[in-house]
Amino acid sequence: MKITYPNPLNKDEALTKLKAALADAIGKYSDKVTDIQETWDDNVGNFSFSSYGFTIKVKAIVEDYLVTVEGKIPWLLASYTEKIEKILLDNIAKALEL
């Protein structure tokens, strides 16, 4: 899975907002996810978590004017890829609102 979203902010502003949105999401879904791992190397974030027995791995690259999210969806969840992509895009858009 790979999605891109136009970033209306500069890289640093977008990073601040996306990190805050991620922290909120972790709190909101803490009853559904476990084994949460989050690391950042400048503008590249790597995340993994488990939910309902599945492990999800995602990489986010935040650049001036563009956010790219790449992830590995377990094959048993492949039929939900479009829905997952829409949820990610909606959340990125909300986080980056001006």
C-alpha atoms as a PDB file:
ATOM      1  CA  MET A   1       0.000   0.000   0.000  1.00  0.00           C
ATOM      2  CA  LYS A   2       1.284   3.461  -0.853  1.00  0.00           C
ATOM      3  CA  ILE A   3      -0.542   6.758  -0.605  1.00  0.00           C
ATOM      4  CA  THR A   4       0.528  10.346  -1.061  1.00  0.00           C
ATOM      5  CA  TYR A   5      -1.109  13.512   0.184  1.00  0.00           C
ATOM      6  CA  PRO A   6      -0.257  17.096  -0.747  1.00  0.00           C
ATOM      7  CA  ASN A   7       1.123  18.848   2.308  1.00  0.00           C
ATOM      8  CA  PRO A   8      -0.085  22.469   2.567  1.00  0.00           C
ATOM      9  CA  LEU A   9       2.536  23.158   5.265  1.00  0.00           C
ATOM     10  CA  ASN A  10       6.289  23.064   5.424  1.00  0.00           C
ATOM     11  CA  LYS A  11       7.952  19.883   6.640  1.00  0.00           C
ATOM     12  CA  ASP A  12       8.468  20.997  10.252  1.00  0.00           C
ATOM     13  CA  GLU A  13       4.897  22.241  10.728  1.00  0.00           C
ATOM     14  CA  ALA A  14       3.514  19.069   9.185  1.00  0.00           C
ATOM     15  CA  LEU A  15       5.704  16.864  11.391  1.00  0.00           C
ATOM     16  CA  THR A  16       4.474  18.615  14.524  1.00  0.00           C
ATOM     17  CA  LYS A  17       0.822  18.205  13.534  1.00  0.00           C
ATOM     18  CA  LEU A  18       1.162  14.612  12.338  1.00  0.00           C
ATOM     19  CA  LYS A  19       3.013  13.517  15.488  1.00  0.00           C
ATOM     20  CA  ALA A  20       0.271  15.068  17.626  1.00  0.00           C
ATOM     21  CA  ALA A  21      -2.425  13.357  15.553  1.00  0.00           C
ATOM     22  CA  LEU A  22      -0.622  10.029  15.895  1.00  0.00           C
ATOM     23  CA  ALA A  23      -0.410  10.422  19.669  1.00  0.00           C
ATOM     24  CA  ASP A  24      -4.142  11.173  19.768  1.00  0.00           C
ATOM     25  CA  ALA A  25      -4.917   8.114  17.630  1.00  0.00           C
ATOM     26  CA  ILE A  26      -2.826   5.864  19.866  1.00  0.00           C
ATOM     27  CA  GLY A  27      -4.787   7.082  22.865  1.00  0.00           C
ATOM     28  CA  LYS A  28      -8.124   6.775  21.097  1.00  0.00           C
ATOM     29  CA  TYR A  29      -7.524   3.198  19.933  1.00  0.00           C
ATOM     30  CA  SER A  30      -5.488   1.946  22.895  1.00  0.00           C
ATOM     31  CA  ASP A  31      -8.090  -0.741  23.568  1.00  0.00           C
ATOM     32  CA  LYS A  32      -7.673  -2.141  20.026  1.00  0.00           C
ATOM     33  CA  VAL A  33      -3.918  -1.984  19.424  1.00  0.00           C
ATOM     34  CA  THR A  34      -0.902  -3.432  21.210  1.00  0.00           C
ATOM     35  CA  ASP A  35       2.852  -3.614  20.720  1.00  0.00           C
ATOM     36  CA  ILE A  36       3.012  -0.046  19.421  1.00  0.00           C
ATOM     37  CA  GLN A  37       6.436   0.948  18.108  1.00  0.00           C
ATOM     38  CA  GLU A  38       7.214   4.447  16.818  1.00  0.00           C
ATOM     39  CA  THR A  39      10.573   5.775  15.702  1.00  0.00           C
ATOM     40  CA  TRP A  40      11.503   8.949  13.847  1.00  0.00           C
ATOM     41  CA  ASP A  41      14.663   9.744  11.937  1.00  0.00           C
ATOM     42  CA  ASP A  42      14.263  13.399  10.968  1.00  0.00           C
ATOM     43  CA  ASN A  43      11.258  13.401   8.632  1.00  0.00           C
ATOM     44  CA  VAL A  44      10.844   9.610   8.293  1.00  0.00           C
ATOM     45  CA  GLY A  45       8.667   7.763  10.774  1.00  0.00           C
ATOM     46  CA  ASN A  46       8.442   3.995  11.134  1.00  0.00           C
ATOM     47  CA  PHE A  47       5.511   2.512  13.010  1.00  0.00           C
ATOM     48  CA  SER A  48       4.234  -0.920  13.829  1.00  0.00           C
ATOM     49  CA  PHE A  49       1.417  -2.232  15.959  1.00  0.00           C
ATOM     50  CA  SER A  50      -0.706  -5.321  16.429  1.00  0.00           C
ATOM     51  CA  SER A  51      -4.469  -5.424  16.273  1.00  0.00           C
ATOM     52  CA  TYR A  52      -6.746  -8.442  16.418  1.00  0.00           C
ATOM     53  CA  GLY A  53      -3.740 -10.723  15.912  1.00  0.00           C
ATOM     54  CA  PHE A  54      -2.375  -8.901  12.863  1.00  0.00           C
ATOM     55  CA  THR A  55       0.820  -6.849  12.740  1.00  0.00           C
ATOM     56  CA  ILE A  56       0.759  -3.669  10.666  1.00  0.00           C
ATOM     57  CA  LYS A  57       3.918  -1.826   9.614  1.00  0.00           C
ATOM     58  CA  VAL A  58       3.829   1.701   8.214  1.00  0.00           C
ATOM     59  CA  LYS A  59       6.456   4.176   7.053  1.00  0.00           C
ATOM     60  CA  ALA A  60       5.660   7.880   6.733  1.00  0.00           C
ATOM     61  CA  ILE A  61       7.831  10.339   4.847  1.00  0.00           C
ATOM     62  CA  VAL A  62       7.020  13.993   5.492  1.00  0.00           C
ATOM     63  CA  GLU A  63       8.445  16.482   3.028  1.00  0.00           C
ATOM     64  CA  ASP A  64       7.722  20.074   2.168  1.00  0.00           C
ATOM     65  CA  TYR A  65       4.416  19.909   0.310  1.00  0.00           C
ATOM     66  CA  LEU A  66       4.031  16.105   0.300  1.00  0.00           C
ATOM     67  CA  VAL A  67       3.323  13.289   2.772  1.00  0.00           C
ATOM     68  CA  THR A  68       3.890   9.692   1.658  1.00  0.00           C
ATOM     69  CA  VAL A  69       2.682   6.687   3.634  1.00  0.00           C
ATOM     70  CA  GLU A  70       3.757   3.168   2.742  1.00  0.00           C
ATOM     71  CA  GLY A  71       2.590   0.101   4.573  1.00  0.00           C
ATOM     72  CA  LYS A  72       2.352  -3.635   4.564  1.00  0.00           C
ATOM     73  CA  ILE A  73      -1.151  -4.972   4.985  1.00  0.00           C
ATOM     74  CA  PRO A  74      -1.430  -8.647   5.979  1.00  0.00           C
ATOM     75  CA  TRP A  75      -2.825 -10.631   3.069  1.00  0.00           C
ATOM     76  CA  LEU A  76      -5.911 -11.629   5.077  1.00  0.00           C
ATOM     77  CA  LEU A  77      -6.793  -7.930   5.266  1.00  0.00           C
ATOM     78  CA  ALA A  78      -6.041  -7.162   1.612  1.00  0.00           C
ATOM     79  CA  SER A  79      -9.736  -6.720   0.802  1.00  0.00           C
ATOM     80  CA  TYR A  80      -9.781  -3.771   3.246  1.00  0.00           C
ATOM     81  CA  THR A  81      -6.873  -1.920   1.608  1.00  0.00           C
ATOM     82  CA  GLU A  82      -9.061   0.763  -0.007  1.00  0.00           C
ATOM     83  CA  LYS A  83     -10.879   1.409   3.255  1.00  0.00           C
ATOM     84  CA  ILE A  84      -7.584   1.622   5.174  1.00  0.00           C
ATOM     85  CA  GLU A  85      -6.179   4.038   2.571  1.00  0.00           C
ATOM     86  CA  LYS A  86      -9.276   6.262   2.847  1.00  0.00           C
ATOM     87  CA  ILE A  87      -9.038   6.323   6.643  1.00  0.00           C
ATOM     88  CA  LEU A  88      -5.351   7.275   6.437  1.00  0.00           C
ATOM     89  CA  LEU A  89      -5.989  10.010   3.864  1.00  0.00           C
ATOM     90  CA  ASP A  90      -8.874  11.439   5.894  1.00  0.00           C
ATOM     91  CA  ASN A  91      -6.776  11.508   9.047  1.00  0.00           C
ATOM     92  CA  ILE A  92      -3.795  13.075   7.313  1.00  0.00           C
ATOM     93  CA  ALA A  93      -6.055  15.749   5.816  1.00  0.00           C
ATOM     94  CA  LYS A  94      -7.582  16.489   9.210  1.00  0.00           C
ATOM     95  CA  ALA A  95      -4.157  16.686  10.887  1.00  0.00           C
ATOM     96  CA  LEU A  96      -2.798  19.076   8.257  1.00  0.00           C
ATOM     97  CA  GLU A  97      -5.742  21.468   8.230  1.00  0.00           C
ATOM     98  CA  LEU A  98      -4.641  25.061   8.265  1.00  0.00           C
END
